[in-house]
Amino acid sequence: MIQYFKTTEEAEIEQMTAYQKGCWINVSDPNEAEIQQLLTQFNMPRDYLTDVLDEDEVSRIEQYAREDKEATLVLIQYPHIVPSSAGYPMYDSFPLAIILLQDTILTVSKSKPHFIEEMMLGNVKMKFKTEAAAHFMARILWSISASYLKFLKIIDHETNKLEAQLKESTKNEQLFALLGLQKSLTHFSVALSSNHDVLAKVQQSQRFVEDPLLASEINDVLVENNQAIKTTKIYTQILSDLGTLFSSVVSNNLNIIMKVLTSLTIVLTIPTIIGGIYGMNVPIPNADRADAFWLVMALIFFLTGITVWILKRHDFF
C-alpha cells in the first residue's frame, strides 16, 4: 500500500491522493505493481524497496547517484511486539527503509510501525515538515530509538511482575515468560548495535556535517540509541540472574512440597499401624476393657503429636 502525506504551513499532517513535491510517501508491504510504479517514478535500485520484505535484513546505509537522480538509503531496525511460540508476548526488530531523495522522503516496511501510524495521525509532540526531508529523517530515527526505550520500560515492568510471582512459583509458566523477555533483549541488543553503526555513518555524511541543526538532531538520536544499548545490557544481566534464581526457587519449592507430603505420610502411618495391630484376630492386652477404644485413641494422638513435634522441630513442616 502506498500513502502520500504532506504537512501544512502550520505543521499539520494531511493525506494526499497523489504524489506532490515535498511530500512523504509511506509504503507498507508493497506488491509487485507498486514496486514497479515507484521504480519507474523515482529511478532507484529495486533492492531499496524489496529488502525490507526480508525480516532478517541487516541495517546499512547506501547512496545511489546516476545522471540527475540521487538517492540515499538508510535501512534501520525498529522494535515491534510479536507473539512467542509459547503464547507469551515477545519483542523483535524489523527493517525499515528510509529513502531520501532530492525533494521527497519514502519510508518502506513490511508492516506499519506504531510510530509511523502516530505520525500519520499527527499524534506526536515534536512537529515536523515533510518538505525538510533530512530533518524529517532525523525525526524518524529519533522515534525509532525512543521506541526501543519505551519497549525496554515495558520489559522492566514485566520483569518486576515475574519477580513478584517468584516466591510461590512451582510451574514452568514464569520460566517461559522469562525466556521470551530474554530473547527480546537479545534481538534488541543486536539491532541497536547495528543501528548505532548506521547512525554513526549518517552523522559523518556531508549533509549532516555541513548543517549544524541536522548535526544536533542526529547527535540526539545517537544519545537515545546509546541509552537504549546500555539499558538493554543492564536488563539482560538482570534477567540472566533472575532466570538462575527462578530455577533454584522452583526446585526449592518443589522440594518443600515433597518434604511436607513425606511428613504427612509418616504422621498418617502411625494410626494405621496401631489400628492394624488392634485389629488382628489374636488376643491383645486390655482388649476386654470397656475403655479400650479410648485408650487406643489416646495412644494414637500421643504418638502422632510427638511425631509432629519432632518433625516440626527439624523443619519438616
C-alpha atoms as a PDB file:
ATOM      1  CA  MET A   1       0.000   0.000   0.000  1.00  0.00           C
ATOM      2  CA  ILE A   2       1.259   3.458  -0.946  1.00  0.00           C
ATOM      3  CA  GLN A   3       0.177   6.528   1.017  1.00  0.00           C
ATOM      4  CA  TYR A   4       1.075  10.177   0.429  1.00  0.00           C
ATOM      5  CA  PHE A   5       1.320  12.796   3.195  1.00  0.00           C
ATOM      6  CA  LYS A   6       2.329  16.426   3.359  1.00  0.00           C
ATOM      7  CA  THR A   7       2.498  18.980   6.142  1.00  0.00           C
ATOM      8  CA  THR A   8       0.776  22.357   6.001  1.00  0.00           C
ATOM      9  CA  GLU A   9       2.264  25.728   6.915  1.00  0.00           C
ATOM     10  CA  GLU A  10       1.045  25.069  10.486  1.00  0.00           C
ATOM     11  CA  ALA A  11       2.949  21.725  10.517  1.00  0.00           C
ATOM     12  CA  GLU A  12      -0.310  19.749  10.412  1.00  0.00           C
ATOM     13  CA  ILE A  13      -0.138  16.436   8.553  1.00  0.00           C
ATOM     14  CA  GLU A  14      -2.535  15.880   5.647  1.00  0.00           C
ATOM     15  CA  GLN A  15      -3.006  12.824   3.469  1.00  0.00           C
ATOM     16  CA  MET A  16      -2.792  13.380  -0.270  1.00  0.00           C
ATOM     17  CA  THR A  17      -4.388  11.406  -3.075  1.00  0.00           C
ATOM     18  CA  ALA A  18      -1.313  11.569  -5.318  1.00  0.00           C
ATOM     19  CA  TYR A  19       2.367  12.465  -5.287  1.00  0.00           C
ATOM     20  CA  GLN A  20       3.382  16.083  -4.775  1.00  0.00           C
ATOM     21  CA  LYS A  21       6.812  17.612  -4.484  1.00  0.00           C
ATOM     22  CA  GLY A  22       7.971  17.719  -0.880  1.00  0.00           C
ATOM     23  CA  CYS A  23       5.589  15.010   0.298  1.00  0.00           C
ATOM     24  CA  TRP A  24       6.221  11.940   2.410  1.00  0.00           C
ATOM     25  CA  ILE A  25       5.488   8.583   0.790  1.00  0.00           C
ATOM     26  CA  ASN A  26       4.833   5.679   3.138  1.00  0.00           C
ATOM     27  CA  VAL A  27       4.882   2.202   1.626  1.00  0.00           C
ATOM     28  CA  SER A  28       3.646  -0.835   3.559  1.00  0.00           C
ATOM     29  CA  ASP A  29       4.116  -4.400   2.266  1.00  0.00           C
ATOM     30  CA  PRO A  30       4.309  -3.335  -1.405  1.00  0.00           C
ATOM     31  CA  ASN A  31       3.165  -5.678  -4.144  1.00  0.00           C
ATOM     32  CA  GLU A  32       4.929  -6.044  -7.490  1.00  0.00           C
ATOM     33  CA  ALA A  33       2.784  -3.427  -9.235  1.00  0.00           C
ATOM     34  CA  GLU A  34       3.501  -0.834  -6.524  1.00  0.00           C
ATOM     35  CA  ILE A  35       7.216  -1.614  -6.621  1.00  0.00           C
ATOM     36  CA  GLN A  36       7.318  -1.116 -10.393  1.00  0.00           C
ATOM     37  CA  GLN A  37       5.370   2.141 -10.072  1.00  0.00           C
ATOM     38  CA  LEU A  38       7.889   3.587  -7.592  1.00  0.00           C
ATOM     39  CA  LEU A  39      10.898   2.340  -9.561  1.00  0.00           C
ATOM     40  CA  THR A  40       9.588   3.993 -12.719  1.00  0.00           C
ATOM     41  CA  GLN A  41       8.737   7.225 -10.926  1.00  0.00           C
ATOM     42  CA  PHE A  42      11.939   7.673  -8.911  1.00  0.00           C
ATOM     43  CA  ASN A  43      14.525   5.565 -10.782  1.00  0.00           C
ATOM     44  CA  MET A  44      16.124   3.927  -7.736  1.00  0.00           C
ATOM     45  CA  PRO A  45      17.619   0.462  -7.182  1.00  0.00           C
ATOM     46  CA  ARG A  46      14.989  -2.244  -6.744  1.00  0.00           C
ATOM     47  CA  ASP A  47      16.501  -3.568  -3.528  1.00  0.00           C
ATOM     48  CA  TYR A  48      15.793  -0.214  -1.833  1.00  0.00           C
ATOM     49  CA  LEU A  49      12.132  -1.229  -1.877  1.00  0.00           C
ATOM     50  CA  THR A  50      12.333  -5.000  -1.572  1.00  0.00           C
ATOM     51  CA  ASP A  51      14.983  -5.590   1.104  1.00  0.00           C
ATOM     52  CA  VAL A  52      12.565  -4.707   3.917  1.00  0.00           C
ATOM     53  CA  LEU A  53      10.402  -7.677   2.900  1.00  0.00           C
ATOM     54  CA  ASP A  54      13.150  -9.863   4.370  1.00  0.00           C
ATOM     55  CA  GLU A  55      12.750  -9.694   8.163  1.00  0.00           C
ATOM     56  CA  ASP A  56      16.404 -10.715   8.639  1.00  0.00           C
ATOM     57  CA  GLU A  57      17.806  -7.847   6.584  1.00  0.00           C
ATOM     58  CA  VAL A  58      20.606  -6.012   8.417  1.00  0.00           C
ATOM     59  CA  SER A  59      20.918  -2.256   8.965  1.00  0.00           C
ATOM     60  CA  ARG A  60      23.033  -0.328   6.489  1.00  0.00           C
ATOM     61  CA  ILE A  61      23.369   2.946   4.580  1.00  0.00           C
ATOM     62  CA  GLU A  62      23.781   3.246   0.802  1.00  0.00           C
ATOM     63  CA  GLN A  63      23.993   6.094  -1.672  1.00  0.00           C
ATOM     64  CA  TYR A  64      22.935   5.962  -5.300  1.00  0.00           C
ATOM     65  CA  ALA A  65      23.633   8.555  -7.958  1.00  0.00           C
ATOM     66  CA  ARG A  66      23.028   8.379 -11.711  1.00  0.00           C
ATOM     67  CA  GLU A  67      22.588  11.300 -14.080  1.00  0.00           C
ATOM     68  CA  ASP A  68      20.340  13.779 -12.257  1.00  0.00           C
ATOM     69  CA  LYS A  69      18.941  11.187  -9.818  1.00  0.00           C
ATOM     70  CA  GLU A  70      20.290  10.823  -6.310  1.00  0.00           C
ATOM     71  CA  ALA A  71      19.005   8.611  -3.518  1.00  0.00           C
ATOM     72  CA  THR A  72      20.204   7.708  -0.044  1.00  0.00           C
ATOM     73  CA  LEU A  73      19.005   4.544   1.646  1.00  0.00           C
ATOM     74  CA  VAL A  74      19.076   4.273   5.433  1.00  0.00           C
ATOM     75  CA  LEU A  75      17.924   0.795   6.426  1.00  0.00           C
ATOM     76  CA  ILE A  76      17.319   0.691  10.164  1.00  0.00           C
ATOM     77  CA  GLN A  77      15.835  -1.789  12.663  1.00  0.00           C
ATOM     78  CA  TYR A  78      12.743  -0.807  14.664  1.00  0.00           C
ATOM     79  CA  PRO A  79      11.139  -2.703  17.593  1.00  0.00           C
ATOM     80  CA  HIS A  80       7.787  -4.450  17.387  1.00  0.00           C
ATOM     81  CA  ILE A  81       5.789  -6.801  19.616  1.00  0.00           C
ATOM     82  CA  VAL A  82       5.251 -10.364  18.368  1.00  0.00           C
ATOM     83  CA  PRO A  83       3.686 -13.471  19.967  1.00  0.00           C
ATOM     84  CA  SER A  84       6.133 -16.151  21.042  1.00  0.00           C
ATOM     85  CA  SER A  85       5.680 -19.856  20.282  1.00  0.00           C
ATOM     86  CA  ALA A  86       4.745 -20.385  23.953  1.00  0.00           C
ATOM     87  CA  GLY A  87       1.991 -17.785  23.735  1.00  0.00           C
ATOM     88  CA  TYR A  88       3.752 -15.060  25.719  1.00  0.00           C
ATOM     89  CA  PRO A  89       4.453 -11.557  24.335  1.00  0.00           C
ATOM     90  CA  MET A  90       7.903 -11.084  22.876  1.00  0.00           C
ATOM     91  CA  TYR A  91       9.641  -8.191  21.161  1.00  0.00           C
ATOM     92  CA  ASP A  92      11.623  -8.376  17.949  1.00  0.00           C
ATOM     93  CA  SER A  93      13.179  -5.966  15.466  1.00  0.00           C
ATOM     94  CA  PHE A  94      12.195  -5.470  11.825  1.00  0.00           C
ATOM     95  CA  PRO A  95      13.775  -3.478   8.985  1.00  0.00           C
ATOM     96  CA  LEU A  96      12.533  -0.041   7.935  1.00  0.00           C
ATOM     97  CA  ALA A  97      13.894   1.612   4.811  1.00  0.00           C
ATOM     98  CA  ILE A  98      14.149   5.411   4.773  1.00  0.00           C
ATOM     99  CA  ILE A  99      14.871   6.605   1.240  1.00  0.00           C
ATOM    100  CA  LEU A 100      15.995  10.205   0.964  1.00  0.00           C
ATOM    101  CA  LEU A 101      15.509  11.754  -2.486  1.00  0.00           C
ATOM    102  CA  GLN A 102      16.185  15.328  -3.579  1.00  0.00           C
ATOM    103  CA  ASP A 103      12.729  16.627  -2.664  1.00  0.00           C
ATOM    104  CA  THR A 104      10.921  13.558  -1.294  1.00  0.00           C
ATOM    105  CA  ILE A 105      11.263  11.034   1.501  1.00  0.00           C
ATOM    106  CA  LEU A 106       9.983   7.452   1.387  1.00  0.00           C
ATOM    107  CA  THR A 107       9.521   5.036   4.276  1.00  0.00           C
ATOM    108  CA  VAL A 108       9.155   1.379   3.342  1.00  0.00           C
ATOM    109  CA  SER A 109       8.328  -1.512   5.674  1.00  0.00           C
ATOM    110  CA  LYS A 110       6.607  -4.877   5.577  1.00  0.00           C
ATOM    111  CA  SER A 111       4.212  -3.908   8.373  1.00  0.00           C
ATOM    112  CA  LYS A 112       3.366  -0.408   9.536  1.00  0.00           C
ATOM    113  CA  PRO A 113       5.395   0.600  12.648  1.00  0.00           C
ATOM    114  CA  HIS A 114       3.422   2.120  15.523  1.00  0.00           C
ATOM    115  CA  PHE A 115       5.411   5.387  15.443  1.00  0.00           C
ATOM    116  CA  ILE A 116       4.702   5.778  11.724  1.00  0.00           C
ATOM    117  CA  GLU A 117       0.989   5.453  12.469  1.00  0.00           C
ATOM    118  CA  GLU A 118       1.320   8.133  15.158  1.00  0.00           C
ATOM    119  CA  MET A 119       2.987  10.467  12.667  1.00  0.00           C
ATOM    120  CA  MET A 120       0.257   9.831  10.109  1.00  0.00           C
ATOM    121  CA  LEU A 121      -2.374  10.771  12.673  1.00  0.00           C
ATOM    122  CA  GLY A 122      -0.407  13.778  13.865  1.00  0.00           C
ATOM    123  CA  ASN A 123      -0.265  12.372  17.416  1.00  0.00           C
ATOM    124  CA  VAL A 124       3.297  13.471  18.077  1.00  0.00           C
ATOM    125  CA  LYS A 125       4.633  16.174  20.377  1.00  0.00           C
ATOM    126  CA  MET A 126       7.529  17.151  18.115  1.00  0.00           C
ATOM    127  CA  LYS A 127       6.199  18.676  14.895  1.00  0.00           C
ATOM    128  CA  PHE A 128       7.905  18.031  11.570  1.00  0.00           C
ATOM    129  CA  LYS A 129       7.908  19.256   7.995  1.00  0.00           C
ATOM    130  CA  THR A 130       7.816  16.742   5.168  1.00  0.00           C
ATOM    131  CA  GLU A 131       9.460  19.282   2.851  1.00  0.00           C
ATOM    132  CA  ALA A 132      12.590  19.251   5.037  1.00  0.00           C
ATOM    133  CA  ALA A 133      13.375  15.647   4.140  1.00  0.00           C
ATOM    134  CA  ALA A 134      16.680  15.322   6.029  1.00  0.00           C
ATOM    135  CA  HIS A 135      15.207  16.819   9.219  1.00  0.00           C
ATOM    136  CA  PHE A 136      12.185  14.540   8.858  1.00  0.00           C
ATOM    137  CA  MET A 137      14.502  11.538   8.526  1.00  0.00           C
ATOM    138  CA  ALA A 138      16.272  12.565  11.742  1.00  0.00           C
ATOM    139  CA  ARG A 139      12.843  12.793  13.413  1.00  0.00           C
ATOM    140  CA  ILE A 140      12.008   9.229  12.304  1.00  0.00           C
ATOM    141  CA  LEU A 141      15.367   7.930  13.529  1.00  0.00           C
ATOM    142  CA  TRP A 142      14.778   9.575  16.912  1.00  0.00           C
ATOM    143  CA  SER A 143      11.325   7.958  17.109  1.00  0.00           C
ATOM    144  CA  ILE A 144      12.881   4.536  16.498  1.00  0.00           C
ATOM    145  CA  SER A 145      15.436   4.976  19.298  1.00  0.00           C
ATOM    146  CA  ALA A 146      12.716   6.292  21.616  1.00  0.00           C
ATOM    147  CA  SER A 147      10.588   3.231  20.755  1.00  0.00           C
ATOM    148  CA  TYR A 148      13.329   0.923  21.992  1.00  0.00           C
ATOM    149  CA  LEU A 149      13.401   2.773  25.330  1.00  0.00           C
ATOM    150  CA  LYS A 150       9.599   2.549  25.521  1.00  0.00           C
ATOM    151  CA  PHE A 151       9.622  -1.216  24.993  1.00  0.00           C
ATOM    152  CA  LEU A 152      12.514  -1.623  27.434  1.00  0.00           C
ATOM    153  CA  LYS A 153      10.367   0.018  30.118  1.00  0.00           C
ATOM    154  CA  ILE A 154       7.610  -2.493  29.345  1.00  0.00           C
ATOM    155  CA  ILE A 155      10.122  -5.347  29.655  1.00  0.00           C
ATOM    156  CA  ASP A 156      11.253  -3.929  33.008  1.00  0.00           C
ATOM    157  CA  HIS A 157       7.626  -3.850  34.172  1.00  0.00           C
ATOM    158  CA  GLU A 158       7.079  -7.450  33.044  1.00  0.00           C
ATOM    159  CA  THR A 159      10.283  -8.455  34.846  1.00  0.00           C
ATOM    160  CA  ASN A 160       9.011  -6.916  38.084  1.00  0.00           C
ATOM    161  CA  LYS A 161       5.734  -8.844  37.721  1.00  0.00           C
ATOM    162  CA  LEU A 162       7.635 -12.100  37.266  1.00  0.00           C
ATOM    163  CA  GLU A 163       9.807 -11.304  40.263  1.00  0.00           C
ATOM    164  CA  ALA A 164       6.671 -10.810  42.368  1.00  0.00           C
ATOM    165  CA  GLN A 165       5.488 -14.301  41.347  1.00  0.00           C
ATOM    166  CA  LEU A 166       8.851 -15.826  42.160  1.00  0.00           C
ATOM    167  CA  LYS A 167       8.175 -16.673  45.823  1.00  0.00           C
ATOM    168  CA  GLU A 168       5.360 -19.164  45.208  1.00  0.00           C
ATOM    169  CA  SER A 169       6.314 -20.369  41.741  1.00  0.00           C
ATOM    170  CA  THR A 170       6.281 -24.131  41.162  1.00  0.00           C
ATOM    171  CA  LYS A 171       5.334 -24.129  37.464  1.00  0.00           C
ATOM    172  CA  ASN A 172       7.151 -23.537  34.191  1.00  0.00           C
ATOM    173  CA  GLU A 173       4.883 -20.673  33.052  1.00  0.00           C
ATOM    174  CA  GLN A 174       7.070 -17.964  34.533  1.00  0.00           C
ATOM    175  CA  LEU A 175      10.167 -19.569  33.027  1.00  0.00           C
ATOM    176  CA  PHE A 176       8.629 -19.468  29.537  1.00  0.00           C
ATOM    177  CA  ALA A 177       7.669 -15.808  30.023  1.00  0.00           C
ATOM    178  CA  LEU A 178      11.206 -15.092  31.227  1.00  0.00           C
ATOM    179  CA  LEU A 179      12.639 -16.844  28.171  1.00  0.00           C
ATOM    180  CA  GLY A 180      10.520 -14.626  25.916  1.00  0.00           C
ATOM    181  CA  LEU A 181      11.894 -11.483  27.577  1.00  0.00           C
ATOM    182  CA  GLN A 182      15.471 -12.762  27.328  1.00  0.00           C
ATOM    183  CA  LYS A 183      15.039 -13.455  23.604  1.00  0.00           C
ATOM    184  CA  SER A 184      13.566  -9.973  23.181  1.00  0.00           C
ATOM    185  CA  LEU A 185      16.619  -8.368  24.769  1.00  0.00           C
ATOM    186  CA  THR A 186      18.915 -10.440  22.561  1.00  0.00           C
ATOM    187  CA  HIS A 187      17.104  -9.160  19.463  1.00  0.00           C
ATOM    188  CA  PHE A 188      17.252  -5.603  20.803  1.00  0.00           C
ATOM    189  CA  SER A 189      20.970  -5.846  21.554  1.00  0.00           C
ATOM    190  CA  VAL A 190      21.837  -6.963  18.019  1.00  0.00           C
ATOM    191  CA  ALA A 191      19.511  -4.419  16.383  1.00  0.00           C
ATOM    192  CA  LEU A 192      20.683  -1.479  18.493  1.00  0.00           C
ATOM    193  CA  SER A 193      24.345  -2.240  17.828  1.00  0.00           C
ATOM    194  CA  SER A 194      23.653  -2.464  14.113  1.00  0.00           C
ATOM    195  CA  ASN A 195      21.640   0.783  14.238  1.00  0.00           C
ATOM    196  CA  HIS A 196      24.483   2.520  16.060  1.00  0.00           C
ATOM    197  CA  ASP A 197      26.896   1.815  13.176  1.00  0.00           C
ATOM    198  CA  VAL A 198      24.398   3.215  10.660  1.00  0.00           C
ATOM    199  CA  LEU A 199      23.666   6.325  12.755  1.00  0.00           C
ATOM    200  CA  ALA A 200      27.380   7.000  13.111  1.00  0.00           C
ATOM    201  CA  LYS A 201      27.744   6.926   9.305  1.00  0.00           C
ATOM    202  CA  VAL A 202      24.729   9.220   8.899  1.00  0.00           C
ATOM    203  CA  GLN A 203      26.328  11.650  11.375  1.00  0.00           C
ATOM    204  CA  GLN A 204      29.527  11.681   9.306  1.00  0.00           C
ATOM    205  CA  SER A 205      27.754  12.229   5.978  1.00  0.00           C
ATOM    206  CA  GLN A 206      28.323  15.563   4.254  1.00  0.00           C
ATOM    207  CA  ARG A 207      24.749  16.809   4.570  1.00  0.00           C
ATOM    208  CA  PHE A 208      24.699  16.331   8.344  1.00  0.00           C
ATOM    209  CA  VAL A 209      28.221  17.682   8.871  1.00  0.00           C
ATOM    210  CA  GLU A 210      27.522  20.917   6.993  1.00  0.00           C
ATOM    211  CA  ASP A 211      24.181  21.672   8.691  1.00  0.00           C
ATOM    212  CA  PRO A 212      24.571  22.461  12.458  1.00  0.00           C
ATOM    213  CA  LEU A 213      20.877  21.818  13.148  1.00  0.00           C
ATOM    214  CA  LEU A 214      20.982  18.429  11.417  1.00  0.00           C
ATOM    215  CA  ALA A 215      24.183  17.594  13.292  1.00  0.00           C
ATOM    216  CA  SER A 216      22.458  18.410  16.581  1.00  0.00           C
ATOM    217  CA  GLU A 217      19.411  16.311  15.675  1.00  0.00           C
ATOM    218  CA  ILE A 218      21.410  13.222  14.701  1.00  0.00           C
ATOM    219  CA  ASN A 219      23.502  13.625  17.855  1.00  0.00           C
ATOM    220  CA  ASP A 220      20.267  13.474  19.901  1.00  0.00           C
ATOM    221  CA  VAL A 221      19.378  10.262  18.067  1.00  0.00           C
ATOM    222  CA  LEU A 222      22.758   8.742  18.925  1.00  0.00           C
ATOM    223  CA  VAL A 223      22.316   9.705  22.590  1.00  0.00           C
ATOM    224  CA  GLU A 224      18.921   7.948  22.675  1.00  0.00           C
ATOM    225  CA  ASN A 225      20.337   4.903  20.895  1.00  0.00           C
ATOM    226  CA  ASN A 226      23.322   4.666  23.269  1.00  0.00           C
ATOM    227  CA  GLN A 227      20.985   4.918  26.242  1.00  0.00           C
ATOM    228  CA  ALA A 228      18.915   2.066  24.824  1.00  0.00           C
ATOM    229  CA  ILE A 229      22.083  -0.028  24.320  1.00  0.00           C
ATOM    230  CA  LYS A 230      23.188   0.481  27.939  1.00  0.00           C
ATOM    231  CA  THR A 231      19.692  -0.183  29.286  1.00  0.00           C
ATOM    232  CA  THR A 232      19.494  -3.390  27.248  1.00  0.00           C
ATOM    233  CA  LYS A 233      22.787  -4.611  28.712  1.00  0.00           C
ATOM    234  CA  ILE A 234      21.577  -3.904  32.266  1.00  0.00           C
ATOM    235  CA  TYR A 235      18.235  -5.669  31.759  1.00  0.00           C
ATOM    236  CA  THR A 236      19.951  -8.617  30.078  1.00  0.00           C
ATOM    237  CA  GLN A 237      22.137  -9.135  33.160  1.00  0.00           C
ATOM    238  CA  ILE A 238      19.124  -8.746  35.473  1.00  0.00           C
ATOM    239  CA  LEU A 239      17.101 -11.305  33.521  1.00  0.00           C
ATOM    240  CA  SER A 240      20.042 -13.707  33.429  1.00  0.00           C
ATOM    241  CA  ASP A 241      20.376 -13.545  37.227  1.00  0.00           C
ATOM    242  CA  LEU A 242      16.605 -13.779  37.649  1.00  0.00           C
ATOM    243  CA  GLY A 243      16.472 -16.853  35.406  1.00  0.00           C
ATOM    244  CA  THR A 244      19.052 -18.626  37.558  1.00  0.00           C
ATOM    245  CA  LEU A 245      17.154 -17.620  40.690  1.00  0.00           C
ATOM    246  CA  PHE A 246      13.851 -18.750  39.163  1.00  0.00           C
ATOM    247  CA  SER A 247      15.178 -22.240  38.501  1.00  0.00           C
ATOM    248  CA  SER A 248      16.522 -22.507  42.038  1.00  0.00           C
ATOM    249  CA  VAL A 249      13.283 -21.258  43.614  1.00  0.00           C
ATOM    250  CA  VAL A 250      11.081 -23.578  41.560  1.00  0.00           C
ATOM    251  CA  SER A 251      13.272 -26.532  42.504  1.00  0.00           C
ATOM    252  CA  ASN A 252      13.322 -25.470  46.162  1.00  0.00           C
ATOM    253  CA  ASN A 253       9.534 -25.004  46.276  1.00  0.00           C
ATOM    254  CA  LEU A 254       9.034 -28.483  44.850  1.00  0.00           C
ATOM    255  CA  ASN A 255      11.416 -29.885  47.456  1.00  0.00           C
ATOM    256  CA  ILE A 256       9.394 -28.186  50.200  1.00  0.00           C
ATOM    257  CA  ILE A 257       6.176 -29.712  48.865  1.00  0.00           C
ATOM    258  CA  MET A 258       7.745 -33.166  48.745  1.00  0.00           C
ATOM    259  CA  LYS A 259       9.071 -32.715  52.296  1.00  0.00           C
ATOM    260  CA  VAL A 260       5.611 -31.787  53.600  1.00  0.00           C
ATOM    261  CA  LEU A 261       3.971 -34.720  51.793  1.00  0.00           C
ATOM    262  CA  THR A 262       6.589 -37.094  53.189  1.00  0.00           C
ATOM    263  CA  SER A 263       5.984 -35.747  56.707  1.00  0.00           C
ATOM    264  CA  LEU A 264       2.215 -36.200  56.345  1.00  0.00           C
ATOM    265  CA  THR A 265       2.762 -39.753  55.146  1.00  0.00           C
ATOM    266  CA  ILE A 266       4.849 -40.526  58.268  1.00  0.00           C
ATOM    267  CA  VAL A 267       2.238 -38.960  60.584  1.00  0.00           C
ATOM    268  CA  LEU A 268      -0.670 -40.807  58.967  1.00  0.00           C
ATOM    269  CA  THR A 269       1.235 -44.095  59.153  1.00  0.00           C
ATOM    270  CA  ILE A 270       1.066 -44.110  63.000  1.00  0.00           C
ATOM    271  CA  PRO A 271      -2.753 -44.517  63.292  1.00  0.00           C
ATOM    272  CA  THR A 272      -2.617 -47.112  60.517  1.00  0.00           C
ATOM    273  CA  ILE A 273      -0.016 -49.222  62.344  1.00  0.00           C
ATOM    274  CA  ILE A 274      -1.757 -49.045  65.752  1.00  0.00           C
ATOM    275  CA  GLY A 275      -5.180 -49.690  64.196  1.00  0.00           C
ATOM    276  CA  GLY A 276      -3.738 -52.662  62.320  1.00  0.00           C
ATOM    277  CA  ILE A 277      -2.264 -54.161  65.490  1.00  0.00           C
ATOM    278  CA  TYR A 278      -5.502 -53.868  67.460  1.00  0.00           C
ATOM    279  CA  GLY A 279      -7.497 -55.171  64.532  1.00  0.00           C
ATOM    280  CA  MET A 280      -5.759 -58.563  64.446  1.00  0.00           C
ATOM    281  CA  ASN A 281      -7.763 -61.649  65.414  1.00  0.00           C
ATOM    282  CA  VAL A 282      -5.448 -62.648  68.247  1.00  0.00           C
ATOM    283  CA  PRO A 283      -5.584 -61.905  71.971  1.00  0.00           C
ATOM    284  CA  ILE A 284      -4.109 -58.472  72.739  1.00  0.00           C
ATOM    285  CA  PRO A 285      -3.567 -56.678  76.073  1.00  0.00           C
ATOM    286  CA  ASN A 286      -6.531 -54.756  77.510  1.00  0.00           C
ATOM    287  CA  ALA A 287      -8.783 -55.800  74.636  1.00  0.00           C
ATOM    288  CA  ASP A 288     -11.604 -56.687  77.066  1.00  0.00           C
ATOM    289  CA  ARG A 289     -11.611 -53.317  78.830  1.00  0.00           C
ATOM    290  CA  ALA A 290     -14.670 -51.058  78.298  1.00  0.00           C
ATOM    291  CA  ASP A 291     -12.439 -48.062  77.646  1.00  0.00           C
ATOM    292  CA  ALA A 292     -10.067 -49.903  75.287  1.00  0.00           C
ATOM    293  CA  PHE A 293     -11.132 -47.766  72.298  1.00  0.00           C
ATOM    294  CA  TRP A 294     -10.339 -44.536  74.124  1.00  0.00           C
ATOM    295  CA  LEU A 295      -7.006 -45.910  75.268  1.00  0.00           C
ATOM    296  CA  VAL A 296      -6.108 -46.730  71.678  1.00  0.00           C
ATOM    297  CA  MET A 297      -7.223 -43.267  70.535  1.00  0.00           C
ATOM    298  CA  ALA A 298      -5.213 -41.602  73.296  1.00  0.00           C
ATOM    299  CA  LEU A 299      -2.133 -43.613  72.288  1.00  0.00           C
ATOM    300  CA  ILE A 300      -2.610 -42.628  68.632  1.00  0.00           C
ATOM    301  CA  PHE A 301      -2.972 -38.919  69.456  1.00  0.00           C
ATOM    302  CA  PHE A 302       0.011 -39.040  71.801  1.00  0.00           C
ATOM    303  CA  LEU A 303       2.333 -40.737  69.352  1.00  0.00           C
ATOM    304  CA  THR A 304       1.066 -38.572  66.483  1.00  0.00           C
ATOM    305  CA  GLY A 305       1.637 -35.409  68.496  1.00  0.00           C
ATOM    306  CA  ILE A 306       5.159 -36.496  69.463  1.00  0.00           C
ATOM    307  CA  THR A 307       5.928 -37.273  65.796  1.00  0.00           C
ATOM    308  CA  VAL A 308       4.568 -33.920  64.556  1.00  0.00           C
ATOM    309  CA  TRP A 309       6.596 -32.085  67.236  1.00  0.00           C
ATOM    310  CA  ILE A 310       9.800 -33.889  66.242  1.00  0.00           C
ATOM    311  CA  LEU A 311       9.234 -33.259  62.523  1.00  0.00           C
ATOM    312  CA  LYS A 312       8.374 -29.604  63.074  1.00  0.00           C
ATOM    313  CA  ARG A 313      11.448 -29.151  65.250  1.00  0.00           C
ATOM    314  CA  HIS A 314      13.548 -30.440  62.342  1.00  0.00           C
ATOM    315  CA  ASP A 315      11.760 -28.061  59.911  1.00  0.00           C
ATOM    316  CA  PHE A 316       9.741 -30.700  58.076  1.00  0.00           C
ATOM    317  CA  PHE A 317       6.592 -28.560  58.292  1.00  0.00           C
END
